[in-house]
Amino acid sequence: MNLQHGKNRIIQILAVGAVVLLSAVLLWVFLQYRFPGLMPLVRKGDEQAIAAYIHEEGAWIGALLIVLLCILQVMSIVLPGAPIHVVAGILYGWWRGVLMCYTGFVLGNALVFFLARRLKKRFSAYFPVPDRKSWLIRQINSRDPVVVAGLACMVPGVLNGIIPYVAEQAHITGRNYTKAVAATAWLQILTHCLCGHFLIREKYLTAVLIYGTQIAVIAVIAWKRDVILGRLG
């Protein structure tokens, strides 16, 4: 019986891994085929080169690219999100950039969480999750899961793309997880897009102050995370 259970779990692991990986690969292949040369720039995090590339594609295609890249950033775990957000602010201004990046980030999180939960697979156990993972799962299960999952998006040391894989293991519904991400993802996206917005206008000091403020807020959240959770949860 235990042997059969082990086989079933392996099948679930492979099934979810295949579905999520295939989805990410298909999106990657589409972007590589339709926009050759873009993905190497994204991996390097070269904001200027990414902005120049997307600008050549036109406004509407560029907007779609921003959304797709934000979705892929969550699914792939390893792709950096900040360069994409900065580029969106440079090309489209801060509020349009926020709208695009926010949409892609929330959709990406919801999609990954849904796939992992739907196929009942403990997917995150097979990724190199930071030590903070155990703290995150414990806090989600013992406190208000919406508050904890939302704050996790703002804590340094945890790749944002890993959070839906970790949260899938905890006692939180897909709807509540998506609400948590939607309620908190705006901070980093907003600051990155504002930085791009002001950098292109050569207001470097303003961009530095905005980014510094974000770092300060996140540092306080990381430092006082248990206190904040105690009061909110």
C-alpha atoms as a PDB file:
ATOM      1  CA  MET A   1       0.000   0.000   0.000  1.00  0.00           C
ATOM      2  CA  ASN A   2       2.834   2.367   0.922  1.00  0.00           C
ATOM      3  CA  LEU A   3       4.628   1.436  -2.287  1.00  0.00           C
ATOM      4  CA  GLN A   4       1.513   2.253  -4.328  1.00  0.00           C
ATOM      5  CA  HIS A   5       1.124   5.552  -2.451  1.00  0.00           C
ATOM      6  CA  GLY A   6       4.735   6.381  -3.252  1.00  0.00           C
ATOM      7  CA  LYS A   7       4.191   5.625  -6.930  1.00  0.00           C
ATOM      8  CA  ASN A   8       1.068   7.806  -7.008  1.00  0.00           C
ATOM      9  CA  ARG A   9       2.954  10.682  -5.434  1.00  0.00           C
ATOM     10  CA  ILE A  10       5.765  10.371  -7.964  1.00  0.00           C
ATOM     11  CA  ILE A  11       3.185  10.450 -10.764  1.00  0.00           C
ATOM     12  CA  GLN A  12       1.627  13.597  -9.259  1.00  0.00           C
ATOM     13  CA  ILE A  13       5.067  15.197  -8.986  1.00  0.00           C
ATOM     14  CA  LEU A  14       5.877  14.442 -12.605  1.00  0.00           C
ATOM     15  CA  ALA A  15       2.428  15.547 -13.780  1.00  0.00           C
ATOM     16  CA  VAL A  16       2.507  18.965 -12.165  1.00  0.00           C
ATOM     17  CA  GLY A  17       6.156  19.455 -13.008  1.00  0.00           C
ATOM     18  CA  ALA A  18       5.447  18.623 -16.651  1.00  0.00           C
ATOM     19  CA  VAL A  19       2.421  20.926 -16.889  1.00  0.00           C
ATOM     20  CA  VAL A  20       4.074  23.957 -15.301  1.00  0.00           C
ATOM     21  CA  LEU A  21       7.364  23.398 -17.114  1.00  0.00           C
ATOM     22  CA  LEU A  22       5.602  22.865 -20.432  1.00  0.00           C
ATOM     23  CA  SER A  23       3.588  26.055 -19.959  1.00  0.00           C
ATOM     24  CA  ALA A  24       6.730  28.046 -19.186  1.00  0.00           C
ATOM     25  CA  VAL A  25       8.624  26.481 -22.084  1.00  0.00           C
ATOM     26  CA  LEU A  26       5.809  27.162 -24.548  1.00  0.00           C
ATOM     27  CA  LEU A  27       5.676  30.799 -23.478  1.00  0.00           C
ATOM     28  CA  TRP A  28       9.460  30.995 -23.674  1.00  0.00           C
ATOM     29  CA  VAL A  29       9.529  29.415 -27.144  1.00  0.00           C
ATOM     30  CA  PHE A  30       6.810  31.778 -28.343  1.00  0.00           C
ATOM     31  CA  LEU A  31       8.768  34.789 -27.142  1.00  0.00           C
ATOM     32  CA  GLN A  32      11.997  33.423 -28.618  1.00  0.00           C
ATOM     33  CA  TYR A  33      10.337  32.723 -31.960  1.00  0.00           C
ATOM     34  CA  ARG A  34       8.301  35.918 -32.204  1.00  0.00           C
ATOM     35  CA  PHE A  35      10.880  38.183 -30.567  1.00  0.00           C
ATOM     36  CA  PRO A  36      14.336  36.688 -31.152  1.00  0.00           C
ATOM     37  CA  GLY A  37      17.044  38.281 -29.059  1.00  0.00           C
ATOM     38  CA  LEU A  38      14.731  39.492 -26.291  1.00  0.00           C
ATOM     39  CA  MET A  39      15.136  36.723 -23.705  1.00  0.00           C
ATOM     40  CA  PRO A  40      18.952  36.997 -23.437  1.00  0.00           C
ATOM     41  CA  LEU A  41      18.471  40.684 -22.611  1.00  0.00           C
ATOM     42  CA  VAL A  42      15.889  39.831 -19.940  1.00  0.00           C
ATOM     43  CA  ARG A  43      18.208  37.266 -18.351  1.00  0.00           C
ATOM     44  CA  LYS A  44      20.990  39.850 -18.196  1.00  0.00           C
ATOM     45  CA  GLY A  45      18.646  42.482 -16.732  1.00  0.00           C
ATOM     46  CA  ASP A  46      19.809  45.123 -19.247  1.00  0.00           C
ATOM     47  CA  GLU A  47      17.056  47.756 -18.916  1.00  0.00           C
ATOM     48  CA  GLN A  48      18.272  49.987 -21.746  1.00  0.00           C
ATOM     49  CA  ALA A  49      18.610  47.146 -24.246  1.00  0.00           C
ATOM     50  CA  ILE A  50      15.212  45.693 -23.270  1.00  0.00           C
ATOM     51  CA  ALA A  51      13.573  49.108 -23.602  1.00  0.00           C
ATOM     52  CA  ALA A  52      15.105  49.662 -27.043  1.00  0.00           C
ATOM     53  CA  TYR A  53      13.992  46.229 -28.224  1.00  0.00           C
ATOM     54  CA  ILE A  54      10.404  46.573 -27.006  1.00  0.00           C
ATOM     55  CA  HIS A  55      10.152  50.143 -28.322  1.00  0.00           C
ATOM     56  CA  GLU A  56      10.878  48.881 -31.841  1.00  0.00           C
ATOM     57  CA  GLU A  57       7.930  46.483 -31.646  1.00  0.00           C
ATOM     58  CA  GLY A  58       5.366  49.252 -31.220  1.00  0.00           C
ATOM     59  CA  ALA A  59       3.142  50.306 -28.325  1.00  0.00           C
ATOM     60  CA  TRP A  60       0.531  47.524 -28.320  1.00  0.00           C
ATOM     61  CA  ILE A  61       2.904  44.638 -29.006  1.00  0.00           C
ATOM     62  CA  GLY A  62       5.248  46.089 -26.405  1.00  0.00           C
ATOM     63  CA  ALA A  63       2.477  46.213 -23.818  1.00  0.00           C
ATOM     64  CA  LEU A  64       1.614  42.568 -24.483  1.00  0.00           C
ATOM     65  CA  LEU A  65       5.284  41.681 -24.158  1.00  0.00           C
ATOM     66  CA  ILE A  66       5.494  43.354 -20.747  1.00  0.00           C
ATOM     67  CA  VAL A  67       2.510  41.347 -19.469  1.00  0.00           C
ATOM     68  CA  LEU A  68       3.835  38.060 -20.883  1.00  0.00           C
ATOM     69  CA  LEU A  69       7.301  38.649 -19.449  1.00  0.00           C
ATOM     70  CA  CYS A  70       5.831  39.302 -15.997  1.00  0.00           C
ATOM     71  CA  ILE A  71       3.884  36.040 -16.202  1.00  0.00           C
ATOM     72  CA  LEU A  72       6.985  34.153 -17.348  1.00  0.00           C
ATOM     73  CA  GLN A  73       9.044  35.748 -14.574  1.00  0.00           C
ATOM     74  CA  VAL A  74       6.785  34.120 -11.969  1.00  0.00           C
ATOM     75  CA  MET A  75       6.622  30.755 -13.725  1.00  0.00           C
ATOM     76  CA  SER A  76      10.366  30.509 -14.294  1.00  0.00           C
ATOM     77  CA  ILE A  77      11.288  31.607 -10.739  1.00  0.00           C
ATOM     78  CA  VAL A  78      14.767  32.725 -11.809  1.00  0.00           C
ATOM     79  CA  LEU A  79      14.031  35.570 -14.225  1.00  0.00           C
ATOM     80  CA  PRO A  80      14.376  38.992 -12.543  1.00  0.00           C
ATOM     81  CA  GLY A  81      11.256  41.141 -12.372  1.00  0.00           C
ATOM     82  CA  ALA A  82      12.787  44.539 -11.584  1.00  0.00           C
ATOM     83  CA  PRO A  83      14.300  45.162 -15.072  1.00  0.00           C
ATOM     84  CA  ILE A  84      10.931  44.421 -16.677  1.00  0.00           C
ATOM     85  CA  HIS A  85       9.155  46.856 -14.342  1.00  0.00           C
ATOM     86  CA  VAL A  86      11.740  49.586 -14.910  1.00  0.00           C
ATOM     87  CA  VAL A  87      11.452  49.158 -18.674  1.00  0.00           C
ATOM     88  CA  ALA A  88       7.658  49.412 -18.449  1.00  0.00           C
ATOM     89  CA  GLY A  89       8.014  52.701 -16.570  1.00  0.00           C
ATOM     90  CA  ILE A  90      10.493  54.001 -19.138  1.00  0.00           C
ATOM     91  CA  LEU A  91       8.375  53.131 -22.159  1.00  0.00           C
ATOM     92  CA  TYR A  92       4.834  53.685 -20.923  1.00  0.00           C
ATOM     93  CA  GLY A  93       5.045  55.993 -17.921  1.00  0.00           C
ATOM     94  CA  TRP A  94       4.581  54.893 -14.344  1.00  0.00           C
ATOM     95  CA  TRP A  95       0.824  54.242 -14.184  1.00  0.00           C
ATOM     96  CA  ARG A  96       0.547  52.326 -17.462  1.00  0.00           C
ATOM     97  CA  GLY A  97       3.660  50.375 -16.533  1.00  0.00           C
ATOM     98  CA  VAL A  98       2.209  49.488 -13.144  1.00  0.00           C
ATOM     99  CA  LEU A  99      -1.026  48.307 -14.758  1.00  0.00           C
ATOM    100  CA  MET A 100       0.796  46.017 -17.192  1.00  0.00           C
ATOM    101  CA  CYS A 101       3.283  44.566 -14.702  1.00  0.00           C
ATOM    102  CA  TYR A 102       0.688  44.197 -11.958  1.00  0.00           C
ATOM    103  CA  THR A 103      -1.655  42.321 -14.305  1.00  0.00           C
ATOM    104  CA  GLY A 104       1.073  39.947 -15.448  1.00  0.00           C
ATOM    105  CA  PHE A 105       2.437  39.331 -11.948  1.00  0.00           C
ATOM    106  CA  VAL A 106      -0.955  38.554 -10.396  1.00  0.00           C
ATOM    107  CA  LEU A 107      -1.972  36.353 -13.337  1.00  0.00           C
ATOM    108  CA  GLY A 108       1.321  34.471 -13.166  1.00  0.00           C
ATOM    109  CA  ASN A 109       0.949  33.811  -9.439  1.00  0.00           C
ATOM    110  CA  ALA A 110      -2.657  32.690  -9.824  1.00  0.00           C
ATOM    111  CA  LEU A 111      -1.768  30.384 -12.717  1.00  0.00           C
ATOM    112  CA  VAL A 112       1.131  28.674 -10.933  1.00  0.00           C
ATOM    113  CA  PHE A 113      -0.825  28.265  -7.696  1.00  0.00           C
ATOM    114  CA  PHE A 114      -3.829  26.868  -9.560  1.00  0.00           C
ATOM    115  CA  LEU A 115      -1.761  24.313 -11.489  1.00  0.00           C
ATOM    116  CA  ALA A 116       0.093  23.124  -8.390  1.00  0.00           C
ATOM    117  CA  ARG A 117      -3.038  22.929  -6.235  1.00  0.00           C
ATOM    118  CA  ARG A 118      -5.255  21.495  -8.969  1.00  0.00           C
ATOM    119  CA  LEU A 119      -2.955  18.560  -9.570  1.00  0.00           C
ATOM    120  CA  LYS A 120      -2.364  18.112  -5.827  1.00  0.00           C
ATOM    121  CA  LYS A 121       1.374  18.211  -5.936  1.00  0.00           C
ATOM    122  CA  ARG A 122       3.879  19.464  -3.379  1.00  0.00           C
ATOM    123  CA  PHE A 123       5.824  21.112  -6.156  1.00  0.00           C
ATOM    124  CA  SER A 124       7.933  23.519  -4.117  1.00  0.00           C
ATOM    125  CA  ALA A 125       9.648  20.691  -2.223  1.00  0.00           C
ATOM    126  CA  TYR A 126      11.644  19.967  -5.375  1.00  0.00           C
ATOM    127  CA  PHE A 127      12.955  23.501  -5.852  1.00  0.00           C
ATOM    128  CA  PRO A 128      15.937  25.121  -4.117  1.00  0.00           C
ATOM    129  CA  VAL A 129      13.725  27.137  -1.749  1.00  0.00           C
ATOM    130  CA  PRO A 130      15.535  29.386   0.757  1.00  0.00           C
ATOM    131  CA  ASP A 131      15.551  28.498   4.455  1.00  0.00           C
ATOM    132  CA  ARG A 132      12.847  31.090   4.938  1.00  0.00           C
ATOM    133  CA  LYS A 133      10.437  28.693   3.275  1.00  0.00           C
ATOM    134  CA  SER A 134       9.748  26.756   6.473  1.00  0.00           C
ATOM    135  CA  TRP A 135       9.027  29.999   8.301  1.00  0.00           C
ATOM    136  CA  LEU A 136       6.653  31.053   5.536  1.00  0.00           C
ATOM    137  CA  ILE A 137       4.657  27.831   5.558  1.00  0.00           C
ATOM    138  CA  ARG A 138       4.495  27.805   9.354  1.00  0.00           C
ATOM    139  CA  GLN A 139       3.264  31.393   9.465  1.00  0.00           C
ATOM    140  CA  ILE A 140       0.663  30.857   6.742  1.00  0.00           C
ATOM    141  CA  ASN A 141      -0.721  27.861   8.606  1.00  0.00           C
ATOM    142  CA  SER A 142      -0.710  29.474  12.051  1.00  0.00           C
ATOM    143  CA  ARG A 143      -1.842  33.032  11.280  1.00  0.00           C
ATOM    144  CA  ASP A 144      -4.040  34.848   8.800  1.00  0.00           C
ATOM    145  CA  PRO A 145      -2.917  33.186   5.520  1.00  0.00           C
ATOM    146  CA  VAL A 146      -3.905  36.164   3.370  1.00  0.00           C
ATOM    147  CA  VAL A 147      -1.814  38.580   5.437  1.00  0.00           C
ATOM    148  CA  VAL A 148       1.207  36.268   5.555  1.00  0.00           C
ATOM    149  CA  ALA A 149       1.187  35.399   1.862  1.00  0.00           C
ATOM    150  CA  GLY A 150       0.867  39.056   0.981  1.00  0.00           C
ATOM    151  CA  LEU A 151       3.746  40.137   3.211  1.00  0.00           C
ATOM    152  CA  ALA A 152       5.892  37.316   1.822  1.00  0.00           C
ATOM    153  CA  CYS A 153       5.865  39.113  -1.532  1.00  0.00           C
ATOM    154  CA  MET A 154       7.630  42.022   0.172  1.00  0.00           C
ATOM    155  CA  VAL A 155      10.221  40.151   2.249  1.00  0.00           C
ATOM    156  CA  PRO A 156      13.762  40.133   0.839  1.00  0.00           C
ATOM    157  CA  GLY A 157      15.561  36.814   0.541  1.00  0.00           C
ATOM    158  CA  VAL A 158      12.594  35.051  -1.064  1.00  0.00           C
ATOM    159  CA  LEU A 159      12.335  35.071  -4.849  1.00  0.00           C
ATOM    160  CA  ASN A 160       8.851  36.299  -5.694  1.00  0.00           C
ATOM    161  CA  GLY A 161       8.483  33.524  -8.250  1.00  0.00           C
ATOM    162  CA  ILE A 162       8.934  30.837  -5.589  1.00  0.00           C
ATOM    163  CA  ILE A 163       6.086  32.062  -3.371  1.00  0.00           C
ATOM    164  CA  PRO A 164       3.151  30.375  -5.189  1.00  0.00           C
ATOM    165  CA  TYR A 165       5.016  27.043  -5.096  1.00  0.00           C
ATOM    166  CA  VAL A 166       5.578  27.411  -1.360  1.00  0.00           C
ATOM    167  CA  ALA A 167       2.084  28.726  -0.602  1.00  0.00           C
ATOM    168  CA  GLU A 168       0.553  25.727  -2.367  1.00  0.00           C
ATOM    169  CA  GLN A 169       1.775  23.572   0.514  1.00  0.00           C
ATOM    170  CA  ALA A 170       0.007  25.699   3.132  1.00  0.00           C
ATOM    171  CA  HIS A 171      -3.607  25.961   4.239  1.00  0.00           C
ATOM    172  CA  ILE A 172      -4.718  28.764   1.931  1.00  0.00           C
ATOM    173  CA  THR A 173      -7.237  28.760  -0.895  1.00  0.00           C
ATOM    174  CA  GLY A 174      -6.372  29.855  -4.407  1.00  0.00           C
ATOM    175  CA  ARG A 175      -8.787  32.778  -4.175  1.00  0.00           C
ATOM    176  CA  ASN A 176      -7.292  34.022  -0.922  1.00  0.00           C
ATOM    177  CA  TYR A 177      -3.763  33.609  -2.221  1.00  0.00           C
ATOM    178  CA  THR A 178      -4.556  35.610  -5.346  1.00  0.00           C
ATOM    179  CA  LYS A 179      -6.206  38.315  -3.210  1.00  0.00           C
ATOM    180  CA  ALA A 180      -3.115  38.464  -0.997  1.00  0.00           C
ATOM    181  CA  VAL A 181      -0.790  38.889  -3.961  1.00  0.00           C
ATOM    182  CA  ALA A 182      -3.087  41.457  -5.547  1.00  0.00           C
ATOM    183  CA  ALA A 183      -3.181  43.464  -2.309  1.00  0.00           C
ATOM    184  CA  THR A 184       0.595  43.677  -1.845  1.00  0.00           C
ATOM    185  CA  ALA A 185       2.361  43.214  -5.192  1.00  0.00           C
ATOM    186  CA  TRP A 186       1.858  46.863  -6.119  1.00  0.00           C
ATOM    187  CA  LEU A 187       4.590  48.248  -3.831  1.00  0.00           C
ATOM    188  CA  GLN A 188       7.667  46.904  -5.585  1.00  0.00           C
ATOM    189  CA  ILE A 189       6.060  47.164  -9.011  1.00  0.00           C
ATOM    190  CA  LEU A 190       5.085  50.790  -8.375  1.00  0.00           C
ATOM    191  CA  THR A 191       8.530  51.820  -7.153  1.00  0.00           C
ATOM    192  CA  HIS A 192      10.299  50.107 -10.048  1.00  0.00           C
ATOM    193  CA  CYS A 193       7.982  51.692 -12.619  1.00  0.00           C
ATOM    194  CA  LEU A 194       8.393  55.105 -10.970  1.00  0.00           C
ATOM    195  CA  CYS A 195      12.158  54.679 -11.164  1.00  0.00           C
ATOM    196  CA  GLY A 196      11.924  54.005 -14.880  1.00  0.00           C
ATOM    197  CA  HIS A 197       9.512  56.917 -15.311  1.00  0.00           C
ATOM    198  CA  PHE A 198      11.937  59.375 -13.709  1.00  0.00           C
ATOM    199  CA  LEU A 199      15.144  57.865 -15.089  1.00  0.00           C
ATOM    200  CA  ILE A 200      14.043  58.463 -18.680  1.00  0.00           C
ATOM    201  CA  ARG A 201      13.331  62.086 -17.705  1.00  0.00           C
ATOM    202  CA  GLU A 202      16.830  62.363 -16.194  1.00  0.00           C
ATOM    203  CA  LYS A 203      15.451  62.950 -12.700  1.00  0.00           C
ATOM    204  CA  TYR A 204      18.004  60.646 -11.164  1.00  0.00           C
ATOM    205  CA  LEU A 205      17.783  61.937  -7.599  1.00  0.00           C
ATOM    206  CA  THR A 206      14.020  61.379  -7.519  1.00  0.00           C
ATOM    207  CA  ALA A 207      14.485  57.827  -8.796  1.00  0.00           C
ATOM    208  CA  VAL A 208      17.136  57.121  -6.150  1.00  0.00           C
ATOM    209  CA  LEU A 209      14.920  58.520  -3.374  1.00  0.00           C
ATOM    210  CA  ILE A 210      11.969  56.395  -4.509  1.00  0.00           C
ATOM    211  CA  TYR A 211      14.055  53.231  -4.652  1.00  0.00           C
ATOM    212  CA  GLY A 212      15.651  54.040  -1.308  1.00  0.00           C
ATOM    213  CA  THR A 213      12.226  54.462   0.261  1.00  0.00           C
ATOM    214  CA  GLN A 214      11.175  51.046  -1.038  1.00  0.00           C
ATOM    215  CA  ILE A 215      14.294  49.427   0.407  1.00  0.00           C
ATOM    216  CA  ALA A 216      13.651  51.099   3.773  1.00  0.00           C
ATOM    217  CA  VAL A 217      10.016  49.917   3.880  1.00  0.00           C
ATOM    218  CA  ILE A 218      10.952  46.361   2.920  1.00  0.00           C
ATOM    219  CA  ALA A 219      13.793  46.331   5.467  1.00  0.00           C
ATOM    220  CA  VAL A 220      11.391  47.350   8.244  1.00  0.00           C
ATOM    221  CA  ILE A 221       8.920  44.657   7.179  1.00  0.00           C
ATOM    222  CA  ALA A 222      11.665  42.019   7.158  1.00  0.00           C
ATOM    223  CA  TRP A 223      13.036  43.175  10.522  1.00  0.00           C
ATOM    224  CA  LYS A 224       9.668  43.412  12.268  1.00  0.00           C
ATOM    225  CA  ARG A 225       7.887  40.687  10.347  1.00  0.00           C
ATOM    226  CA  ASP A 226       6.816  38.692  13.421  1.00  0.00           C
ATOM    227  CA  VAL A 227       5.606  41.824  15.212  1.00  0.00           C
ATOM    228  CA  ILE A 228       3.636  42.952  12.167  1.00  0.00           C
ATOM    229  CA  LEU A 229       2.102  39.506  11.695  1.00  0.00           C
ATOM    230  CA  GLY A 230       1.226  39.340  15.361  1.00  0.00           C
ATOM    231  CA  ARG A 231      -0.732  42.568  15.139  1.00  0.00           C
ATOM    232  CA  LEU A 232      -2.347  41.874  11.787  1.00  0.00           C
ATOM    233  CA  GLY A 233      -2.992  38.158  12.217  1.00  0.00           C
END
